[in-house]
Amino acid sequence: MCLSIPSKVVKIDKERNVAVVDTMGITREAGLELMEEDDVQIGDYVLLHIGFIMNKIDEEDALESLRVYNEILEKLDEEERRSLVEEDDNCPNRGA
């Protein structure tokens, strides 16, 4: 199952055209190639797919989604939670 969990942009490397995003406490890099130049800023909430930022999401909607995810994750232990968040990086549906 692939999840698209809202992630907050915490850093942008314009030279490499990547952003560092925080997805529920886990940081990872995401490509900016699919976004307009300078459309993504530090502090924005974004959705990722196959390692690329696909679009920005309204902060209010992002926070509501994260609240629901947190309710679900409270029922999982740490390893299950990390696995769920990182599963997106290895989603078998990538490139489908």
PDB file of N, CA and C in Angstrom:
ATOM      1  N   MET A   1       0.843  -1.168   0.000  1.00  0.00           N
ATOM      2  CA  MET A   1       0.000   0.000   0.000  1.00  0.00           C
ATOM      3  C   MET A   1       0.888   1.231   0.000  1.00  0.00           C
ATOM      4  N   CYS A   2       0.618   2.143  -0.872  1.00  0.00           N
ATOM      5  CA  CYS A   2       1.359   3.401  -0.937  1.00  0.00           C
ATOM      6  C   CYS A   2       0.515   4.497  -0.285  1.00  0.00           C
ATOM      7  N   LEU A   3       1.140   5.215   0.612  1.00  0.00           N
ATOM      8  CA  LEU A   3       0.454   6.314   1.266  1.00  0.00           C
ATOM      9  C   LEU A   3       1.054   7.628   0.800  1.00  0.00           C
ATOM     10  N   SER A   4       0.258   8.617   0.716  1.00  0.00           N
ATOM     11  CA  SER A   4       0.763   9.950   0.424  1.00  0.00           C
ATOM     12  C   SER A   4       0.507  10.790   1.663  1.00  0.00           C
ATOM     13  N   ILE A   5       1.518  10.839   2.501  1.00  0.00           N
ATOM     14  CA  ILE A   5       1.420  11.543   3.770  1.00  0.00           C
ATOM     15  C   ILE A   5       1.965  12.952   3.579  1.00  0.00           C
ATOM     16  N   PRO A   6       1.221  13.962   4.003  1.00  0.00           N
ATOM     17  CA  PRO A   6       1.743  15.322   3.879  1.00  0.00           C
ATOM     18  C   PRO A   6       3.101  15.443   4.562  1.00  0.00           C
ATOM     19  N   SER A   7       3.998  16.120   3.879  1.00  0.00           N
ATOM     20  CA  SER A   7       5.352  16.321   4.387  1.00  0.00           C
ATOM     21  C   SER A   7       5.657  17.813   4.385  1.00  0.00           C
ATOM     22  N   LYS A   8       6.406  18.251   5.373  1.00  0.00           N
ATOM     23  CA  LYS A   8       6.758  19.671   5.472  1.00  0.00           C
ATOM     24  C   LYS A   8       8.166  19.890   4.933  1.00  0.00           C
ATOM     25  N   VAL A   9       8.313  20.870   4.064  1.00  0.00           N
ATOM     26  CA  VAL A   9       9.616  21.200   3.496  1.00  0.00           C
ATOM     27  C   VAL A   9      10.445  21.912   4.568  1.00  0.00           C
ATOM     28  N   VAL A  10      11.637  21.348   4.854  1.00  0.00           N
ATOM     29  CA  VAL A  10      12.493  21.953   5.878  1.00  0.00           C
ATOM     30  C   VAL A  10      13.778  22.531   5.294  1.00  0.00           C
ATOM     31  N   LYS A  11      14.093  22.159   4.052  1.00  0.00           N
ATOM     32  CA  LYS A  11      15.309  22.683   3.432  1.00  0.00           C
ATOM     33  C   LYS A  11      15.183  22.516   1.920  1.00  0.00           C
ATOM     34  N   ILE A  12      15.775  23.433   1.189  1.00  0.00           N
ATOM     35  CA  ILE A  12      15.790  23.330  -0.271  1.00  0.00           C
ATOM     36  C   ILE A  12      17.231  23.490  -0.747  1.00  0.00           C
ATOM     37  N   ASP A  13      17.662  22.556  -1.584  1.00  0.00           N
ATOM     38  CA  ASP A  13      18.984  22.615  -2.199  1.00  0.00           C
ATOM     39  C   ASP A  13      18.759  22.902  -3.679  1.00  0.00           C
ATOM     40  N   LYS A  14      18.854  24.174  -4.056  1.00  0.00           N
ATOM     41  CA  LYS A  14      18.566  24.566  -5.446  1.00  0.00           C
ATOM     42  C   LYS A  14      19.599  23.999  -6.413  1.00  0.00           C
ATOM     43  N   GLU A  15      20.831  23.848  -5.953  1.00  0.00           N
ATOM     44  CA  GLU A  15      21.876  23.318  -6.837  1.00  0.00           C
ATOM     45  C   GLU A  15      21.548  21.893  -7.271  1.00  0.00           C
ATOM     46  N   ARG A  16      21.052  21.078  -6.347  1.00  0.00           N
ATOM     47  CA  ARG A  16      20.697  19.680  -6.651  1.00  0.00           C
ATOM     48  C   ARG A  16      19.230  19.544  -7.027  1.00  0.00           C
ATOM     49  N   ASN A  17      18.458  20.609  -6.898  1.00  0.00           N
ATOM     50  CA  ASN A  17      17.025  20.632  -7.184  1.00  0.00           C
ATOM     51  C   ASN A  17      16.260  19.594  -6.360  1.00  0.00           C
ATOM     52  N   VAL A  18      16.571  19.560  -5.076  1.00  0.00           N
ATOM     53  CA  VAL A  18      15.877  18.670  -4.144  1.00  0.00           C
ATOM     54  C   VAL A  18      15.464  19.458  -2.906  1.00  0.00           C
ATOM     55  N   ALA A  19      14.459  18.933  -2.253  1.00  0.00           N
ATOM     56  CA  ALA A  19      14.017  19.477  -0.980  1.00  0.00           C
ATOM     57  C   ALA A  19      14.178  18.393   0.075  1.00  0.00           C
ATOM     58  N   VAL A  20      14.483  18.808   1.281  1.00  0.00           N
ATOM     59  CA  VAL A  20      14.458  17.891   2.416  1.00  0.00           C
ATOM     60  C   VAL A  20      13.114  18.099   3.085  1.00  0.00           C
ATOM     61  N   VAL A  21      12.376  17.015   3.234  1.00  0.00           N
ATOM     62  CA  VAL A  21      11.048  17.107   3.826  1.00  0.00           C
ATOM     63  C   VAL A  21      10.990  16.280   5.107  1.00  0.00           C
ATOM     64  N   ASP A  22      10.115  16.700   5.990  1.00  0.00           N
ATOM     65  CA  ASP A  22       9.866  15.986   7.243  1.00  0.00           C
ATOM     66  C   ASP A  22       8.502  15.325   7.121  1.00  0.00           C
ATOM     67  N   THR A  23       8.534  13.986   7.143  1.00  0.00           N
ATOM     68  CA  THR A  23       7.295  13.221   7.076  1.00  0.00           C
ATOM     69  C   THR A  23       7.084  12.560   8.426  1.00  0.00           C
ATOM     70  N   MET A  24       6.341  13.211   9.260  1.00  0.00           N
ATOM     71  CA  MET A  24       6.017  12.696  10.589  1.00  0.00           C
ATOM     72  C   MET A  24       7.285  12.332  11.370  1.00  0.00           C
ATOM     73  N   GLY A  25       8.265  13.222  11.323  1.00  0.00           N
ATOM     74  CA  GLY A  25       9.488  13.038  12.092  1.00  0.00           C
ATOM     75  C   GLY A  25      10.609  12.337  11.356  1.00  0.00           C
ATOM     76  N   ILE A  26      10.347  11.857  10.162  1.00  0.00           N
ATOM     77  CA  ILE A  26      11.372  11.211   9.356  1.00  0.00           C
ATOM     78  C   ILE A  26      11.724  12.150   8.210  1.00  0.00           C
ATOM     79  N   THR A  27      13.018  12.494   8.099  1.00  0.00           N
ATOM     80  CA  THR A  27      13.429  13.388   7.026  1.00  0.00           C
ATOM     81  C   THR A  27      13.977  12.580   5.856  1.00  0.00           C
ATOM     82  N   ARG A  28      13.729  13.102   4.670  1.00  0.00           N
ATOM     83  CA  ARG A  28      14.209  12.467   3.447  1.00  0.00           C
ATOM     84  C   ARG A  28      14.205  13.505   2.338  1.00  0.00           C
ATOM     85  N   GLU A  29      14.919  13.188   1.269  1.00  0.00           N
ATOM     86  CA  GLU A  29      14.996  14.100   0.145  1.00  0.00           C
ATOM     87  C   GLU A  29      13.919  13.768  -0.874  1.00  0.00           C
ATOM     88  N   ALA A  30      13.455  14.808  -1.557  1.00  0.00           N
ATOM     89  CA  ALA A  30      12.468  14.631  -2.626  1.00  0.00           C
ATOM     90  C   ALA A  30      12.826  15.561  -3.777  1.00  0.00           C
ATOM     91  N   GLY A  31      12.700  15.056  -4.994  1.00  0.00           N
ATOM     92  CA  GLY A  31      13.018  15.847  -6.174  1.00  0.00           C
ATOM     93  C   GLY A  31      12.004  16.952  -6.426  1.00  0.00           C
ATOM     94  N   LEU A  32      12.491  18.049  -6.971  1.00  0.00           N
ATOM     95  CA  LEU A  32      11.637  19.197  -7.289  1.00  0.00           C
ATOM     96  C   LEU A  32      11.377  19.330  -8.786  1.00  0.00           C
ATOM     97  N   GLU A  33      11.795  18.340  -9.572  1.00  0.00           N
ATOM     98  CA  GLU A  33      11.711  18.443 -11.024  1.00  0.00           C
ATOM     99  C   GLU A  33      10.299  18.615 -11.561  1.00  0.00           C
ATOM    100  N   LEU A  34       9.302  18.168 -10.835  1.00  0.00           N
ATOM    101  CA  LEU A  34       7.927  18.227 -11.333  1.00  0.00           C
ATOM    102  C   LEU A  34       7.182  19.500 -10.896  1.00  0.00           C
ATOM    103  N   MET A  35       7.896  20.369 -10.187  1.00  0.00           N
ATOM    104  CA  MET A  35       7.269  21.608  -9.723  1.00  0.00           C
ATOM    105  C   MET A  35       7.848  22.796 -10.471  1.00  0.00           C
ATOM    106  N   GLU A  36       7.057  23.857 -10.549  1.00  0.00           N
ATOM    107  CA  GLU A  36       7.549  25.094 -11.147  1.00  0.00           C
ATOM    108  C   GLU A  36       8.681  25.648 -10.278  1.00  0.00           C
ATOM    109  N   GLU A  37       9.633  26.286 -10.905  1.00  0.00           N
ATOM    110  CA  GLU A  37      10.751  26.865 -10.182  1.00  0.00           C
ATOM    111  C   GLU A  37      10.247  27.843  -9.121  1.00  0.00           C
ATOM    112  N   ASP A  38      10.779  27.730  -7.936  1.00  0.00           N
ATOM    113  CA  ASP A  38      10.454  28.591  -6.794  1.00  0.00           C
ATOM    114  C   ASP A  38       9.011  28.454  -6.314  1.00  0.00           C
ATOM    115  N   ASP A  39       8.271  27.441  -6.774  1.00  0.00           N
ATOM    116  CA  ASP A  39       6.894  27.233  -6.313  1.00  0.00           C
ATOM    117  C   ASP A  39       6.869  26.648  -4.909  1.00  0.00           C
ATOM    118  N   VAL A  40       7.882  25.868  -4.563  1.00  0.00           N
ATOM    119  CA  VAL A  40       7.946  25.233  -3.240  1.00  0.00           C
ATOM    120  C   VAL A  40       8.913  26.029  -2.366  1.00  0.00           C
ATOM    121  N   GLN A  41       8.435  26.361  -1.177  1.00  0.00           N
ATOM    122  CA  GLN A  41       9.238  27.135  -0.238  1.00  0.00           C
ATOM    123  C   GLN A  41       9.370  26.371   1.077  1.00  0.00           C
ATOM    124  N   ILE A  42      10.379  26.710   1.840  1.00  0.00           N
ATOM    125  CA  ILE A  42      10.542  26.122   3.165  1.00  0.00           C
ATOM    126  C   ILE A  42       9.287  26.439   3.988  1.00  0.00           C
ATOM    127  N   GLY A  43       8.753  25.415   4.643  1.00  0.00           N
ATOM    128  CA  GLY A  43       7.544  25.569   5.448  1.00  0.00           C
ATOM    129  C   GLY A  43       6.291  25.097   4.733  1.00  0.00           C
ATOM    130  N   ASP A  44       6.359  24.922   3.408  1.00  0.00           N
ATOM    131  CA  ASP A  44       5.203  24.418   2.661  1.00  0.00           C
ATOM    132  C   ASP A  44       4.950  22.946   3.005  1.00  0.00           C
ATOM    133  N   TYR A  45       3.704  22.549   2.900  1.00  0.00           N
ATOM    134  CA  TYR A  45       3.346  21.134   2.993  1.00  0.00           C
ATOM    135  C   TYR A  45       3.162  20.612   1.581  1.00  0.00           C
ATOM    136  N   VAL A  46       3.702  19.426   1.329  1.00  0.00           N
ATOM    137  CA  VAL A  46       3.683  18.852  -0.014  1.00  0.00           C
ATOM    138  C   VAL A  46       3.292  17.379   0.051  1.00  0.00           C
ATOM    139  N   LEU A  47       2.900  16.859  -1.116  1.00  0.00           N
ATOM    140  CA  LEU A  47       2.656  15.429  -1.264  1.00  0.00           C
ATOM    141  C   LEU A  47       3.700  14.876  -2.213  1.00  0.00           C
ATOM    142  N   LEU A  48       4.188  13.668  -1.903  1.00  0.00           N
ATOM    143  CA  LEU A  48       5.242  13.039  -2.696  1.00  0.00           C
ATOM    144  C   LEU A  48       4.697  11.813  -3.407  1.00  0.00           C
ATOM    145  N   HIS A  49       5.333  11.525  -4.522  1.00  0.00           N
ATOM    146  CA  HIS A  49       5.084  10.258  -5.210  1.00  0.00           C
ATOM    147  C   HIS A  49       6.384   9.856  -5.876  1.00  0.00           C
ATOM    148  N   ILE A  50       6.768   8.648  -5.709  1.00  0.00           N
ATOM    149  CA  ILE A  50       8.002   8.054  -6.229  1.00  0.00           C
ATOM    150  C   ILE A  50       9.208   8.968  -6.049  1.00  0.00           C
ATOM    151  N   GLY A  51       9.272   9.595  -4.907  1.00  0.00           N
ATOM    152  CA  GLY A  51      10.442  10.395  -4.576  1.00  0.00           C
ATOM    153  C   GLY A  51      10.446  11.812  -5.114  1.00  0.00           C
ATOM    154  N   PHE A  52       9.336  12.224  -5.706  1.00  0.00           N
ATOM    155  CA  PHE A  52       9.229  13.581  -6.239  1.00  0.00           C
ATOM    156  C   PHE A  52       8.062  14.305  -5.567  1.00  0.00           C
ATOM    157  N   ILE A  53       8.240  15.585  -5.367  1.00  0.00           N
ATOM    158  CA  ILE A  53       7.134  16.410  -4.891  1.00  0.00           C
ATOM    159  C   ILE A  53       6.176  16.594  -6.057  1.00  0.00           C
ATOM    160  N   MET A  54       4.922  16.188  -5.824  1.00  0.00           N
ATOM    161  CA  MET A  54       3.916  16.249  -6.889  1.00  0.00           C
ATOM    162  C   MET A  54       3.070  17.519  -6.812  1.00  0.00           C
ATOM    163  N   ASN A  55       2.784  17.963  -5.590  1.00  0.00           N
ATOM    164  CA  ASN A  55       2.004  19.186  -5.434  1.00  0.00           C
ATOM    165  C   ASN A  55       2.059  19.672  -4.004  1.00  0.00           C
ATOM    166  N   LYS A  56       1.682  20.918  -3.833  1.00  0.00           N
ATOM    167  CA  LYS A  56       1.597  21.485  -2.498  1.00  0.00           C
ATOM    168  C   LYS A  56       0.201  21.206  -1.964  1.00  0.00           C
ATOM    169  N   ILE A  57       0.087  21.219  -0.650  1.00  0.00           N
ATOM    170  CA  ILE A  57      -1.196  20.994  -0.008  1.00  0.00           C
ATOM    171  C   ILE A  57      -1.408  22.110   1.006  1.00  0.00           C
ATOM    172  N   ASP A  58      -2.648  22.559   1.097  1.00  0.00           N
ATOM    173  CA  ASP A  58      -3.016  23.598   2.049  1.00  0.00           C
ATOM    174  C   ASP A  58      -2.618  23.162   3.462  1.00  0.00           C
ATOM    175  N   GLU A  59      -2.052  24.075   4.241  1.00  0.00           N
ATOM    176  CA  GLU A  59      -1.572  23.742   5.579  1.00  0.00           C
ATOM    177  C   GLU A  59      -2.686  23.177   6.464  1.00  0.00           C
ATOM    178  N   GLU A  60      -3.854  23.756   6.398  1.00  0.00           N
ATOM    179  CA  GLU A  60      -4.969  23.285   7.229  1.00  0.00           C
ATOM    180  C   GLU A  60      -5.325  21.831   6.888  1.00  0.00           C
ATOM    181  N   ASP A  61      -5.407  21.536   5.587  1.00  0.00           N
ATOM    182  CA  ASP A  61      -5.700  20.158   5.163  1.00  0.00           C
ATOM    183  C   ASP A  61      -4.569  19.207   5.556  1.00  0.00           C
ATOM    184  N   ALA A  62      -3.328  19.665   5.423  1.00  0.00           N
ATOM    185  CA  ALA A  62      -2.179  18.836   5.790  1.00  0.00           C
ATOM    186  C   ALA A  62      -2.222  18.496   7.282  1.00  0.00           C
ATOM    187  N   LEU A  63      -2.479  19.503   8.100  1.00  0.00           N
ATOM    188  CA  LEU A  63      -2.495  19.270   9.551  1.00  0.00           C
ATOM    189  C   LEU A  63      -3.643  18.342   9.950  1.00  0.00           C
ATOM    190  N   GLU A  64      -4.784  18.455   9.280  1.00  0.00           N
ATOM    191  CA  GLU A  64      -5.897  17.559   9.568  1.00  0.00           C
ATOM    192  C   GLU A  64      -5.542  16.121   9.171  1.00  0.00           C
ATOM    193  N   SER A  65      -4.922  15.952   7.991  1.00  0.00           N
ATOM    194  CA  SER A  65      -4.493  14.612   7.569  1.00  0.00           C
ATOM    195  C   SER A  65      -3.481  14.034   8.549  1.00  0.00           C
ATOM    196  N   LEU A  66      -2.532  14.854   8.975  1.00  0.00           N
ATOM    197  CA  LEU A  66      -1.517  14.383   9.920  1.00  0.00           C
ATOM    198  C   LEU A  66      -2.142  13.998  11.265  1.00  0.00           C
ATOM    199  N   ARG A  67      -3.174  14.729  11.674  1.00  0.00           N
ATOM    200  CA  ARG A  67      -3.863  14.396  12.926  1.00  0.00           C
ATOM    201  C   ARG A  67      -4.487  12.994  12.818  1.00  0.00           C
ATOM    202  N   VAL A  68      -5.113  12.713  11.692  1.00  0.00           N
ATOM    203  CA  VAL A  68      -5.733  11.395  11.499  1.00  0.00           C
ATOM    204  C   VAL A  68      -4.669  10.304  11.441  1.00  0.00           C
ATOM    205  N   TYR A  69      -3.573  10.582  10.692  1.00  0.00           N
ATOM    206  CA  TYR A  69      -2.479   9.595  10.639  1.00  0.00           C
ATOM    207  C   TYR A  69      -1.924   9.333  12.035  1.00  0.00           C
ATOM    208  N   ASN A  70      -1.771  10.390  12.825  1.00  0.00           N
ATOM    209  CA  ASN A  70      -1.241  10.206  14.182  1.00  0.00           C
ATOM    210  C   ASN A  70      -2.151   9.336  15.024  1.00  0.00           C
ATOM    211  N   GLU A  71      -3.445   9.483  14.861  1.00  0.00           N
ATOM    212  CA  GLU A  71      -4.379   8.624  15.606  1.00  0.00           C
ATOM    213  C   GLU A  71      -4.153   7.158  15.239  1.00  0.00           C
ATOM    214  N   ILE A  72      -3.941   6.913  13.951  1.00  0.00           N
ATOM    215  CA  ILE A  72      -3.683   5.536  13.499  1.00  0.00           C
ATOM    216  C   ILE A  72      -2.347   5.049  14.041  1.00  0.00           C
ATOM    217  N   LEU A  73      -1.326   5.907  13.935  1.00  0.00           N
ATOM    218  CA  LEU A  73       0.022   5.507  14.334  1.00  0.00           C
ATOM    219  C   LEU A  73       0.163   5.282  15.833  1.00  0.00           C
ATOM    220  N   GLU A  74      -0.662   5.926  16.620  1.00  0.00           N
ATOM    221  CA  GLU A  74      -0.609   5.712  18.064  1.00  0.00           C
ATOM    222  C   GLU A  74      -0.867   4.250  18.412  1.00  0.00           C
ATOM    223  N   LYS A  75      -1.512   3.557  17.513  1.00  0.00           N
ATOM    224  CA  LYS A  75      -1.833   2.147  17.754  1.00  0.00           C
ATOM    225  C   LYS A  75      -0.710   1.219  17.284  1.00  0.00           C
ATOM    226  N   LEU A  76       0.332   1.779  16.641  1.00  0.00           N
ATOM    227  CA  LEU A  76       1.445   0.973  16.134  1.00  0.00           C
ATOM    228  C   LEU A  76       2.687   1.214  16.994  1.00  0.00           C
ATOM    229  N   ASP A  77       3.606   0.235  17.011  1.00  0.00           N
ATOM    230  CA  ASP A  77       4.856   0.478  17.728  1.00  0.00           C
ATOM    231  C   ASP A  77       5.821   1.236  16.820  1.00  0.00           C
ATOM    232  N   GLU A  78       6.973   1.649  17.357  1.00  0.00           N
ATOM    233  CA  GLU A  78       7.925   2.498  16.639  1.00  0.00           C
ATOM    234  C   GLU A  78       8.382   1.883  15.316  1.00  0.00           C
ATOM    235  N   GLU A  79       8.738   0.613  15.313  1.00  0.00           N
ATOM    236  CA  GLU A  79       9.236  -0.014  14.090  1.00  0.00           C
ATOM    237  C   GLU A  79       8.145  -0.091  13.022  1.00  0.00           C
ATOM    238  N   GLU A  80       6.942  -0.423  13.419  1.00  0.00           N
ATOM    239  CA  GLU A  80       5.837  -0.470  12.459  1.00  0.00           C
ATOM    240  C   GLU A  80       5.573   0.917  11.880  1.00  0.00           C
ATOM    241  N   ARG A  81       5.675   1.947  12.743  1.00  0.00           N
ATOM    242  CA  ARG A  81       5.422   3.310  12.298  1.00  0.00           C
ATOM    243  C   ARG A  81       6.478   3.746  11.280  1.00  0.00           C
ATOM    244  N   ARG A  82       7.758   3.495  11.583  1.00  0.00           N
ATOM    245  CA  ARG A  82       8.837   3.865  10.667  1.00  0.00           C
ATOM    246  C   ARG A  82       8.666   3.132   9.334  1.00  0.00           C
ATOM    247  N   SER A  83       8.345   1.851   9.409  1.00  0.00           N
ATOM    248  CA  SER A  83       8.166   1.053   8.203  1.00  0.00           C
ATOM    249  C   SER A  83       7.035   1.608   7.346  1.00  0.00           C
ATOM    250  N   LEU A  84       5.947   2.000   7.979  1.00  0.00           N
ATOM    251  CA  LEU A  84       4.798   2.536   7.251  1.00  0.00           C
ATOM    252  C   LEU A  84       5.156   3.827   6.523  1.00  0.00           C
ATOM    253  N   VAL A  85       5.873   4.718   7.199  1.00  0.00           N
ATOM    254  CA  VAL A  85       6.239   5.998   6.603  1.00  0.00           C
ATOM    255  C   VAL A  85       7.242   5.786   5.471  1.00  0.00           C
ATOM    256  N   GLU A  86       8.212   4.878   5.660  1.00  0.00           N
ATOM    257  CA  GLU A  86       9.251   4.658   4.656  1.00  0.00           C
ATOM    258  C   GLU A  86       8.777   3.754   3.516  1.00  0.00           C
ATOM    259  N   GLU A  87       7.659   3.097   3.692  1.00  0.00           N
ATOM    260  CA  GLU A  87       7.141   2.199   2.660  1.00  0.00           C
ATOM    261  C   GLU A  87       6.957   2.913   1.328  1.00  0.00           C
ATOM    262  N   ASP A  88       6.654   4.185   1.410  1.00  0.00           N
ATOM    263  CA  ASP A  88       6.465   4.954   0.180  1.00  0.00           C
ATOM    264  C   ASP A  88       7.716   4.943  -0.690  1.00  0.00           C
ATOM    265  N   ASP A  89       8.892   4.889  -0.059  1.00  0.00           N
ATOM    266  CA  ASP A  89      10.139   4.877  -0.830  1.00  0.00           C
ATOM    267  C   ASP A  89      10.303   3.586  -1.637  1.00  0.00           C
ATOM    268  N   ASN A  90       9.661   2.511  -1.216  1.00  0.00           N
ATOM    269  CA  ASN A  90       9.800   1.217  -1.890  1.00  0.00           C
ATOM    270  C   ASN A  90       8.481   0.714  -2.467  1.00  0.00           C
ATOM    271  N   CYS A  91       7.569   1.599  -2.725  1.00  0.00           N
ATOM    272  CA  CYS A  91       6.248   1.228  -3.211  1.00  0.00           C
ATOM    273  C   CYS A  91       6.350   0.433  -4.522  1.00  0.00           C
ATOM    274  N   PRO A  92       5.766  -0.790  -4.581  1.00  0.00           N
ATOM    275  CA  PRO A  92       5.839  -1.594  -5.795  1.00  0.00           C
ATOM    276  C   PRO A  92       5.051  -0.993  -6.960  1.00  0.00           C
ATOM    277  N   ASN A  93       4.188  -0.046  -6.689  1.00  0.00           N
ATOM    278  CA  ASN A  93       3.391   0.563  -7.755  1.00  0.00           C
ATOM    279  C   ASN A  93       4.099   1.729  -8.424  1.00  0.00           C
ATOM    280  N   ARG A  94       5.320   2.009  -8.003  1.00  0.00           N
ATOM    281  CA  ARG A  94       6.060   3.100  -8.627  1.00  0.00           C
ATOM    282  C   ARG A  94       6.285   2.793 -10.096  1.00  0.00           C
ATOM    283  N   GLY A  95       6.108   3.782 -10.868  1.00  0.00           N
ATOM    284  CA  GLY A  95       6.338   3.636 -12.288  1.00  0.00           C
ATOM    285  C   GLY A  95       5.199   2.951 -13.016  1.00  0.00           C
ATOM    286  N   ALA A  96       4.131   2.590 -12.279  1.00  0.00           N
ATOM    287  CA  ALA A  96       2.982   1.918 -12.901  1.00  0.00           C
ATOM    288  C   ALA A  96       2.189   2.889 -13.727  1.00  0.00           C
TER     289      ALA A  96
END
